[in-house]
PDB file of N, CA and C in Angstrom:
ATOM      1  N   MET A   1      -0.523 -44.369-163.148  1.00  0.00           N
ATOM      2  CA  MET A   1      -1.672 -45.587-162.941  1.00  0.00           C
ATOM      3  C   MET A   1      -1.392 -46.420-162.326  1.00  0.00           C
ATOM      4  N   ILE A   2      -0.243 -47.468-162.056  1.00  0.00           N
ATOM      5  CA  ILE A   2       0.223 -48.463-161.315  1.00  0.00           C
ATOM      6  C   ILE A   2       0.264 -47.934-160.158  1.00  0.00           C
ATOM      7  N   ASP A   3       0.660 -46.621-159.600  1.00  0.00           N
ATOM      8  CA  ASP A   3       1.338 -46.219-158.714  1.00  0.00           C
ATOM      9  C   ASP A   3       0.130 -46.027-157.614  1.00  0.00           C
ATOM     10  N   ASP A   4      -1.149 -45.425-158.609  1.00  0.00           N
ATOM     11  CA  ASP A   4      -2.131 -45.215-158.222  1.00  0.00           C
ATOM     12  C   ASP A   4      -3.006 -46.399-157.597  1.00  0.00           C
ATOM     13  N   LEU A   5      -3.074 -47.308-158.206  1.00  0.00           N
ATOM     14  CA  LEU A   5      -3.556 -48.738-157.724  1.00  0.00           C
ATOM     15  C   LEU A   5      -3.028 -49.316-156.637  1.00  0.00           C
ATOM     16  N   LEU A   6      -1.584 -49.292-156.711  1.00  0.00           N
ATOM     17  CA  LEU A   6      -0.854 -49.662-155.557  1.00  0.00           C
ATOM     18  C   LEU A   6      -1.184 -48.695-154.140  1.00  0.00           C
ATOM     19  N   PHE A   7      -1.474 -47.161-154.598  1.00  0.00           N
ATOM     20  CA  PHE A   7      -1.603 -46.791-153.189  1.00  0.00           C
ATOM     21  C   PHE A   7      -3.174 -46.884-152.938  1.00  0.00           C
ATOM     22  N   ILE A   8      -3.903 -47.052-153.886  1.00  0.00           N
ATOM     23  CA  ILE A   8      -5.256 -47.592-153.520  1.00  0.00           C
ATOM     24  C   ILE A   8      -5.486 -48.719-152.998  1.00  0.00           C
ATOM     25  N   LEU A   9      -4.859 -49.822-152.862  1.00  0.00           N
ATOM     26  CA  LEU A   9      -4.740 -51.459-152.739  1.00  0.00           C
ATOM     27  C   LEU A   9      -4.272 -51.393-151.152  1.00  0.00           C
ATOM     28  N   GLN A  10      -3.095 -50.270-151.301  1.00  0.00           N
ATOM     29  CA  GLN A  10      -2.618 -50.205-149.710  1.00  0.00           C
ATOM     30  C   GLN A  10      -3.728 -49.534-148.555  1.00  0.00           C
ATOM     31  N   ALA A  11      -4.270 -48.803-149.231  1.00  0.00           N
ATOM     32  CA  ALA A  11      -5.081 -47.920-148.464  1.00  0.00           C
ATOM     33  C   ALA A  11      -6.332 -48.648-147.989  1.00  0.00           C
ATOM     34  N   TYR A  12      -7.056 -49.704-149.214  1.00  0.00           N
ATOM     35  CA  TYR A  12      -8.109 -50.483-148.874  1.00  0.00           C
ATOM     36  C   TYR A  12      -7.149 -52.089-147.332  1.00  0.00           C
ATOM     37  N   GLU A  13      -6.345 -52.108-147.938  1.00  0.00           N
ATOM     38  CA  GLU A  13      -5.382 -52.980-146.858  1.00  0.00           C
ATOM     39  C   GLU A  13      -5.404 -52.475-145.423  1.00  0.00           C
ATOM     40  N   ALA A  14      -4.770 -50.995-145.331  1.00  0.00           N
ATOM     41  CA  ALA A  14      -4.886 -50.740-143.972  1.00  0.00           C
ATOM     42  C   ALA A  14      -6.404 -50.398-143.401  1.00  0.00           C
ATOM     43  N   TYR A  15      -7.788 -49.990-144.296  1.00  0.00           N
ATOM     44  CA  TYR A  15      -8.679 -49.807-143.738  1.00  0.00           C
ATOM     45  C   TYR A  15      -9.380 -51.227-143.337  1.00  0.00           C
ATOM     46  N   PHE A  16      -9.105 -52.675-144.156  1.00  0.00           N
ATOM     47  CA  PHE A  16      -9.251 -53.837-143.433  1.00  0.00           C
ATOM     48  C   PHE A  16      -8.701 -54.286-142.648  1.00  0.00           C
ATOM     49  N   MET A  17      -7.637 -53.731-142.524  1.00  0.00           N
ATOM     50  CA  MET A  17      -6.836 -54.337-140.888  1.00  0.00           C
ATOM     51  C   MET A  17      -7.307 -53.421-139.866  1.00  0.00           C
ATOM     52  N   GLN A  18      -7.904 -51.923-139.918  1.00  0.00           N
ATOM     53  CA  GLN A  18      -8.575 -51.837-138.779  1.00  0.00           C
ATOM     54  C   GLN A  18     -10.016 -51.966-138.674  1.00  0.00           C
ATOM     55  N   ILE A  19     -10.507 -52.578-139.593  1.00  0.00           N
ATOM     56  CA  ILE A  19     -11.769 -53.106-139.893  1.00  0.00           C
ATOM     57  C   ILE A  19     -11.576 -54.364-139.178  1.00  0.00           C
ATOM     58  N   ASP A  20     -10.579 -55.100-138.930  1.00  0.00           N
ATOM     59  CA  ASP A  20     -10.493 -56.533-138.385  1.00  0.00           C
ATOM     60  C   ASP A  20      -9.987 -55.825-137.177  1.00  0.00           C
ATOM     61  N   GLY A  21      -9.376 -55.359-136.749  1.00  0.00           N
ATOM     62  CA  GLY A  21      -8.745 -54.820-135.435  1.00  0.00           C
ATOM     63  C   GLY A  21     -10.250 -54.183-134.889  1.00  0.00           C
ATOM     64  N   THR A  22     -11.179 -53.742-135.135  1.00  0.00           N
ATOM     65  CA  THR A  22     -12.584 -53.497-134.526  1.00  0.00           C
ATOM     66  C   THR A  22     -13.345 -54.304-134.251  1.00  0.00           C
ATOM     67  N   LEU A  23     -13.260 -55.582-135.177  1.00  0.00           N
ATOM     68  CA  LEU A  23     -14.172 -56.726-135.195  1.00  0.00           C
ATOM     69  C   LEU A  23     -13.892 -57.702-134.364  1.00  0.00           C
ATOM     70  N   ASN A  24     -12.382 -57.845-134.101  1.00  0.00           N
ATOM     71  CA  ASN A  24     -11.859 -58.397-133.004  1.00  0.00           C
ATOM     72  C   ASN A  24     -12.298 -57.953-131.415  1.00  0.00           C
ATOM     73  N   LYS A  25     -11.711 -56.810-131.263  1.00  0.00           N
ATOM     74  CA  LYS A  25     -12.352 -56.021-130.400  1.00  0.00           C
ATOM     75  C   LYS A  25     -13.670 -55.855-129.722  1.00  0.00           C
ATOM     76  N   LEU A  26     -14.672 -56.232-130.471  1.00  0.00           N
ATOM     77  CA  LEU A  26     -15.885 -56.093-130.361  1.00  0.00           C
ATOM     78  C   LEU A  26     -16.455 -57.989-130.093  1.00  0.00           C
ATOM     79  N   THR A  27     -15.713 -58.378-131.362  1.00  0.00           N
ATOM     80  CA  THR A  27     -15.670 -59.879-130.624  1.00  0.00           C
ATOM     81  C   THR A  27     -15.619 -60.369-128.998  1.00  0.00           C
ATOM     82  N   THR A  28     -14.435 -59.486-128.829  1.00  0.00           N
ATOM     83  CA  THR A  28     -13.800 -60.106-127.168  1.00  0.00           C
ATOM     84  C   THR A  28     -14.824 -59.324-126.743  1.00  0.00           C
ATOM     85  N   LEU A  29     -15.380 -58.230-126.636  1.00  0.00           N
ATOM     86  CA  LEU A  29     -16.515 -57.368-125.940  1.00  0.00           C
ATOM     87  C   LEU A  29     -17.182 -58.203-125.948  1.00  0.00           C
ATOM     88  N   ARG A  30     -17.805 -58.972-126.718  1.00  0.00           N
ATOM     89  CA  ARG A  30     -19.218 -59.637-126.853  1.00  0.00           C
ATOM     90  C   ARG A  30     -18.940 -60.982-125.865  1.00  0.00           C
ATOM     91  N   GLU A  31     -18.416 -61.405-125.890  1.00  0.00           N
ATOM     92  CA  GLU A  31     -17.424 -62.492-125.149  1.00  0.00           C
ATOM     93  C   GLU A  31     -17.589 -62.347-123.848  1.00  0.00           C
ATOM     94  N   TYR A  32     -17.077 -61.163-123.398  1.00  0.00           N
ATOM     95  CA  TYR A  32     -16.628 -60.493-122.091  1.00  0.00           C
ATOM     96  C   TYR A  32     -18.296 -60.247-121.558  1.00  0.00           C
ATOM     97  N   ILE A  33     -18.900 -59.758-122.437  1.00  0.00           N
ATOM     98  CA  ILE A  33     -20.468 -59.615-121.939  1.00  0.00           C
ATOM     99  C   ILE A  33     -21.176 -60.739-121.769  1.00  0.00           C
ATOM    100  N   ASP A  34     -20.924 -61.867-122.599  1.00  0.00           N
ATOM    101  CA  ASP A  34     -21.801 -62.975-122.441  1.00  0.00           C
ATOM    102  C   ASP A  34     -21.384 -64.049-121.194  1.00  0.00           C
ATOM    103  N   ASN A  35     -19.928 -63.504-120.333  1.00  0.00           N
ATOM    104  CA  ASN A  35     -19.470 -64.229-119.600  1.00  0.00           C
ATOM    105  C   ASN A  35     -19.948 -63.294-118.451  1.00  0.00           C
ATOM    106  N   THR A  36     -20.041 -62.064-118.406  1.00  0.00           N
ATOM    107  CA  THR A  36     -20.760 -61.524-117.432  1.00  0.00           C
ATOM    108  C   THR A  36     -22.275 -61.842-117.344  1.00  0.00           C
ATOM    109  N   GLU A  37     -22.921 -61.917-117.919  1.00  0.00           N
ATOM    110  CA  GLU A  37     -24.358 -62.234-117.797  1.00  0.00           C
ATOM    111  C   GLU A  37     -24.634 -63.539-117.524  1.00  0.00           C
ATOM    112  N   ASP A  38     -23.510 -64.721-117.830  1.00  0.00           N
ATOM    113  CA  ASP A  38     -23.886 -65.926-117.052  1.00  0.00           C
ATOM    114  C   ASP A  38     -22.982 -65.691-115.664  1.00  0.00           C
ATOM    115  N   TYR A  39     -22.257 -65.195-115.115  1.00  0.00           N
ATOM    116  CA  TYR A  39     -21.719 -64.792-113.906  1.00  0.00           C
ATOM    117  C   TYR A  39     -23.052 -64.455-113.150  1.00  0.00           C
ATOM    118  N   ILE A  40     -23.764 -63.450-113.651  1.00  0.00           N
ATOM    119  CA  ILE A  40     -24.864 -62.881-112.699  1.00  0.00           C
ATOM    120  C   ILE A  40     -25.755 -63.974-112.598  1.00  0.00           C
ATOM    121  N   ASN A  41     -26.273 -64.963-113.615  1.00  0.00           N
ATOM    122  CA  ASN A  41     -27.418 -65.452-113.915  1.00  0.00           C
ATOM    123  C   ASN A  41     -27.339 -66.579-112.573  1.00  0.00           C
ATOM    124  N   ILE A  42     -25.879 -66.583-112.539  1.00  0.00           N
ATOM    125  CA  ILE A  42     -25.432 -68.044-111.901  1.00  0.00           C
ATOM    126  C   ILE A  42     -25.353 -67.303-110.112  1.00  0.00           C
ATOM    127  N   GLN A  43     -25.263 -66.030-109.921  1.00  0.00           N
ATOM    128  CA  GLN A  43     -25.017 -65.274-108.692  1.00  0.00           C
ATOM    129  C   GLN A  43     -26.695 -65.649-108.384  1.00  0.00           C
ATOM    130  N   LEU A  44     -27.436 -64.684-109.209  1.00  0.00           N
ATOM    131  CA  LEU A  44     -29.106 -65.041-109.146  1.00  0.00           C
ATOM    132  C   LEU A  44     -29.639 -66.240-108.696  1.00  0.00           C
ATOM    133  N   ASP A  45     -28.715 -67.250-109.313  1.00  0.00           N
ATOM    134  CA  ASP A  45     -29.524 -68.422-109.065  1.00  0.00           C
ATOM    135  C   ASP A  45     -28.970 -69.155-107.295  1.00  0.00           C
ATOM    136  N   ASN A  46     -27.926 -68.557-107.180  1.00  0.00           N
ATOM    137  CA  ASN A  46     -27.692 -68.754-105.811  1.00  0.00           C
ATOM    138  C   ASN A  46     -28.361 -68.476-104.859  1.00  0.00           C
ATOM    139  N   HIS A  47     -28.640 -67.127-105.086  1.00  0.00           N
ATOM    140  CA  HIS A  47     -29.628 -66.138-103.872  1.00  0.00           C
ATOM    141  C   HIS A  47     -30.941 -66.905-104.004  1.00  0.00           C
ATOM    142  N   ARG A  48     -31.461 -67.064-105.717  1.00  0.00           N
ATOM    143  CA  ARG A  48     -32.730 -67.796-105.133  1.00  0.00           C
ATOM    144  C   ARG A  48     -32.891 -69.078-104.711  1.00  0.00           C
ATOM    145  N   ASN A  49     -31.905 -69.622-104.549  1.00  0.00           N
ATOM    146  CA  ASN A  49     -31.781 -71.315-103.837  1.00  0.00           C
ATOM    147  C   ASN A  49     -31.424 -70.979-102.446  1.00  0.00           C
ATOM    148  N   GLN A  50     -30.735 -69.984-102.062  1.00  0.00           N
ATOM    149  CA  GLN A  50     -31.128 -69.343-100.779  1.00  0.00           C
ATOM    150  C   GLN A  50     -32.369 -69.219 -99.868  1.00  0.00           C
ATOM    151  N   LEU A  51     -33.009 -68.351-100.955  1.00  0.00           N
ATOM    152  CA  LEU A  51     -34.554 -68.137-100.366  1.00  0.00           C
ATOM    153  C   LEU A  51     -34.998 -68.974-100.369  1.00  0.00           C
ATOM    154  N   ILE A  52     -35.193 -69.715-101.351  1.00  0.00           N
ATOM    155  CA  ILE A  52     -35.878 -71.238-101.408  1.00  0.00           C
ATOM    156  C   ILE A  52     -35.503 -72.204 -99.997  1.00  0.00           C
ATOM    157  N   GLN A  53     -34.344 -72.539 -99.363  1.00  0.00           N
ATOM    158  CA  GLN A  53     -33.920 -72.917 -98.411  1.00  0.00           C
ATOM    159  C   GLN A  53     -34.408 -72.338 -97.329  1.00  0.00           C
ATOM    160  N   LEU A  54     -34.491 -70.626 -97.157  1.00  0.00           N
ATOM    161  CA  LEU A  54     -34.814 -70.297 -96.128  1.00  0.00           C
ATOM    162  C   LEU A  54     -36.482 -70.645 -95.905  1.00  0.00           C
ATOM    163  N   GLU A  55     -37.367 -70.284 -96.697  1.00  0.00           N
ATOM    164  CA  GLU A  55     -38.563 -70.384 -97.393  1.00  0.00           C
ATOM    165  C   GLU A  55     -38.894 -71.680 -96.453  1.00  0.00           C
ATOM    166  N   LEU A  56     -38.138 -73.104 -97.172  1.00  0.00           N
ATOM    167  CA  LEU A  56     -38.399 -74.690 -96.552  1.00  0.00           C
ATOM    168  C   LEU A  56     -38.026 -74.670 -95.318  1.00  0.00           C
ATOM    169  N   PHE A  57     -36.987 -74.218 -94.445  1.00  0.00           N
ATOM    170  CA  PHE A  57     -36.827 -74.286 -93.077  1.00  0.00           C
ATOM    171  C   PHE A  57     -37.992 -73.485 -92.198  1.00  0.00           C
ATOM    172  N   LEU A  58     -38.299 -72.870 -92.677  1.00  0.00           N
ATOM    173  CA  LEU A  58     -39.863 -71.635 -91.768  1.00  0.00           C
ATOM    174  C   LEU A  58     -40.863 -72.468 -92.398  1.00  0.00           C
ATOM    175  N   SER A  59     -40.944 -72.744 -93.114  1.00  0.00           N
ATOM    176  CA  SER A  59     -42.311 -73.773 -93.487  1.00  0.00           C
ATOM    177  C   SER A  59     -42.336 -75.031 -92.462  1.00  0.00           C
ATOM    178  N   ALA A  60     -40.863 -75.843 -92.589  1.00  0.00           N
ATOM    179  CA  ALA A  60     -40.263 -77.014 -91.812  1.00  0.00           C
ATOM    180  C   ALA A  60     -41.140 -76.591 -90.077  1.00  0.00           C
ATOM    181  N   GLY A  61     -40.422 -75.188 -89.858  1.00  0.00           N
ATOM    182  CA  GLY A  61     -40.453 -75.000 -88.198  1.00  0.00           C
ATOM    183  C   GLY A  61     -42.320 -74.445 -88.301  1.00  0.00           C
ATOM    184  N   THR A  62     -42.651 -74.252 -89.053  1.00  0.00           N
ATOM    185  CA  THR A  62     -44.177 -73.774 -88.862  1.00  0.00           C
ATOM    186  C   THR A  62     -44.630 -74.761 -88.456  1.00  0.00           C
ATOM    187  N   ALA A  63     -44.756 -76.021 -89.465  1.00  0.00           N
ATOM    188  CA  ALA A  63     -45.530 -77.301 -89.238  1.00  0.00           C
ATOM    189  C   ALA A  63     -45.027 -78.285 -88.231  1.00  0.00           C
ATOM    190  N   CYS A  64     -43.996 -77.939 -87.824  1.00  0.00           N
ATOM    191  CA  CYS A  64     -43.572 -78.322 -86.624  1.00  0.00           C
ATOM    192  C   CYS A  64     -44.369 -78.099 -85.379  1.00  0.00           C
ATOM    193  N   LEU A  65     -44.129 -76.546 -84.867  1.00  0.00           N
ATOM    194  CA  LEU A  65     -44.940 -75.820 -84.374  1.00  0.00           C
ATOM    195  C   LEU A  65     -46.396 -75.887 -83.842  1.00  0.00           C
ATOM    196  N   SER A  66     -47.300 -76.060 -85.620  1.00  0.00           N
ATOM    197  CA  SER A  66     -48.375 -76.469 -85.658  1.00  0.00           C
ATOM    198  C   SER A  66     -48.667 -77.963 -85.104  1.00  0.00           C
ATOM    199  N   ILE A  67     -48.147 -79.322 -84.896  1.00  0.00           N
ATOM    200  CA  ILE A  67     -48.055 -80.368 -84.962  1.00  0.00           C
ATOM    201  C   ILE A  67     -47.860 -80.157 -83.011  1.00  0.00           C
ATOM    202  N   LEU A  68     -47.003 -79.606 -82.595  1.00  0.00           N
ATOM    203  CA  LEU A  68     -46.816 -79.266 -81.043  1.00  0.00           C
ATOM    204  C   LEU A  68     -47.935 -78.401 -80.626  1.00  0.00           C
ATOM    205  N   LEU A  69     -48.285 -77.386 -80.720  1.00  0.00           N
ATOM    206  CA  LEU A  69     -49.569 -76.905 -80.556  1.00  0.00           C
ATOM    207  C   LEU A  69     -50.596 -77.839 -80.611  1.00  0.00           C
ATOM    208  N   PHE A  70     -50.952 -78.027 -81.568  1.00  0.00           N
ATOM    209  CA  PHE A  70     -52.301 -79.226 -81.307  1.00  0.00           C
ATOM    210  C   PHE A  70     -52.233 -80.540 -80.409  1.00  0.00           C
ATOM    211  N   GLY A  71     -50.769 -80.718 -80.742  1.00  0.00           N
ATOM    212  CA  GLY A  71     -50.664 -82.138 -79.767  1.00  0.00           C
ATOM    213  C   GLY A  71     -50.909 -81.143 -77.942  1.00  0.00           C
ATOM    214  N   SER A  72     -50.523 -80.219 -77.576  1.00  0.00           N
ATOM    215  CA  SER A  72     -50.668 -79.944 -76.479  1.00  0.00           C
ATOM    216  C   SER A  72     -52.198 -79.687 -76.579  1.00  0.00           C
ATOM    217  N   TRP A  73     -52.828 -78.872 -77.429  1.00  0.00           N
ATOM    218  CA  TRP A  73     -54.376 -78.603 -77.461  1.00  0.00           C
ATOM    219  C   TRP A  73     -55.061 -80.063 -77.127  1.00  0.00           C
ATOM    220  N   ASN A  74     -55.095 -80.764 -77.880  1.00  0.00           N
ATOM    221  CA  ASN A  74     -55.437 -82.280 -78.171  1.00  0.00           C
ATOM    222  C   ASN A  74     -55.345 -82.937 -76.576  1.00  0.00           C
ATOM    223  N   PHE A  75     -53.947 -83.030 -75.889  1.00  0.00           N
ATOM    224  CA  PHE A  75     -53.699 -83.350 -74.504  1.00  0.00           C
ATOM    225  C   PHE A  75     -54.420 -82.755 -73.207  1.00  0.00           C
ATOM    226  N   ARG A  76     -54.778 -80.972 -73.763  1.00  0.00           N
ATOM    227  CA  ARG A  76     -55.515 -80.521 -72.786  1.00  0.00           C
ATOM    228  C   ARG A  76     -56.714 -80.832 -72.700  1.00  0.00           C
ATOM    229  N   THR A  77     -57.700 -80.912 -73.943  1.00  0.00           N
ATOM    230  CA  THR A  77     -58.953 -81.001 -74.151  1.00  0.00           C
ATOM    231  C   THR A  77     -59.137 -82.388 -73.463  1.00  0.00           C
ATOM    232  N   PHE A  78     -58.365 -83.902 -73.709  1.00  0.00           N
ATOM    233  CA  PHE A  78     -58.774 -85.055 -73.308  1.00  0.00           C
ATOM    234  C   PHE A  78     -58.613 -85.548 -71.888  1.00  0.00           C
ATOM    235  N   TYR A  79     -57.388 -84.503 -71.532  1.00  0.00           N
ATOM    236  CA  TYR A  79     -56.954 -85.221 -70.130  1.00  0.00           C
ATOM    237  C   TYR A  79     -56.797 -83.795 -69.120  1.00  0.00           C
ATOM    238  N   PRO A  80     -58.118 -83.155 -68.558  1.00  0.00           N
ATOM    239  CA  PRO A  80     -57.967 -81.886 -68.055  1.00  0.00           C
ATOM    240  C   PRO A  80     -57.349 -82.240 -66.414  1.00  0.00           C
ATOM    241  N   TYR A  81     -56.935 -81.030 -66.003  1.00  0.00           N
ATOM    242  CA  TYR A  81     -55.963 -81.064 -64.939  1.00  0.00           C
ATOM    243  C   TYR A  81     -56.737 -81.234 -64.056  1.00  0.00           C
ATOM    244  N   ALA A  82     -56.543 -81.591 -62.695  1.00  0.00           N
ATOM    245  CA  ALA A  82     -56.960 -81.561 -61.553  1.00  0.00           C
ATOM    246  C   ALA A  82     -57.874 -80.073 -61.199  1.00  0.00           C
ATOM    247  N   GLY A  83     -57.372 -79.026 -61.259  1.00  0.00           N
ATOM    248  CA  GLY A  83     -57.833 -78.175 -60.628  1.00  0.00           C
ATOM    249  C   GLY A  83     -59.328 -77.749 -61.719  1.00  0.00           C
ATOM    250  N   SER A  84     -59.814 -78.573 -62.513  1.00  0.00           N
ATOM    251  CA  SER A  84     -60.654 -78.127 -63.226  1.00  0.00           C
ATOM    252  C   SER A  84     -61.790 -79.089 -62.759  1.00  0.00           C
ATOM    253  N   SER A  85     -61.710 -79.631 -62.495  1.00  0.00           N
ATOM    254  CA  SER A  85     -62.870 -80.712 -61.814  1.00  0.00           C
ATOM    255  C   SER A  85     -64.009 -80.386 -61.037  1.00  0.00           C
ATOM    256  N   ASP A  86     -65.029 -80.766 -61.254  1.00  0.00           N
ATOM    257  CA  ASP A  86     -66.075 -80.204 -60.526  1.00  0.00           C
ATOM    258  C   ASP A  86     -66.642 -80.725 -59.025  1.00  0.00           C
ATOM    259  N   LEU A  87     -65.883 -81.691 -58.731  1.00  0.00           N
ATOM    260  CA  LEU A  87     -65.838 -82.445 -57.729  1.00  0.00           C
ATOM    261  C   LEU A  87     -65.526 -81.337 -56.229  1.00  0.00           C
ATOM    262  N   ASP A  88     -66.297 -81.432 -55.399  1.00  0.00           N
ATOM    263  CA  ASP A  88     -66.213 -80.783 -53.879  1.00  0.00           C
ATOM    264  C   ASP A  88     -65.088 -82.043 -53.201  1.00  0.00           C
ATOM    265  N   VAL A  89     -64.184 -81.151 -52.703  1.00  0.00           N
ATOM    266  CA  VAL A  89     -63.357 -81.834 -52.068  1.00  0.00           C
ATOM    267  C   VAL A  89     -63.459 -81.288 -50.369  1.00  0.00           C
ATOM    268  N   ASP A  90     -63.768 -81.998 -49.295  1.00  0.00           N
ATOM    269  CA  ASP A  90     -63.940 -81.072 -47.954  1.00  0.00           C
ATOM    270  C   ASP A  90     -63.172 -82.028 -47.141  1.00  0.00           C
TER     271      ASP A  90
END
């Protein structure tokens, strides 16, 4: 009877060791998955920041071009060149 009880206790101990090993592997896998998710989020943030930087650069270029074109149009409107005068030159 005692031998049977010792056998059962040893079997439980072996099962608990297997369960503990499996739990450690699952914990390690979970940490790896969390780290991978963090890495992917960092990479996504980096690409998002690059896209925002490109959008800002293009918007600034568009604004500068608009100001330049408005200035050119404004100069042309208020200061016509000599070829457009209605004066007769004989």
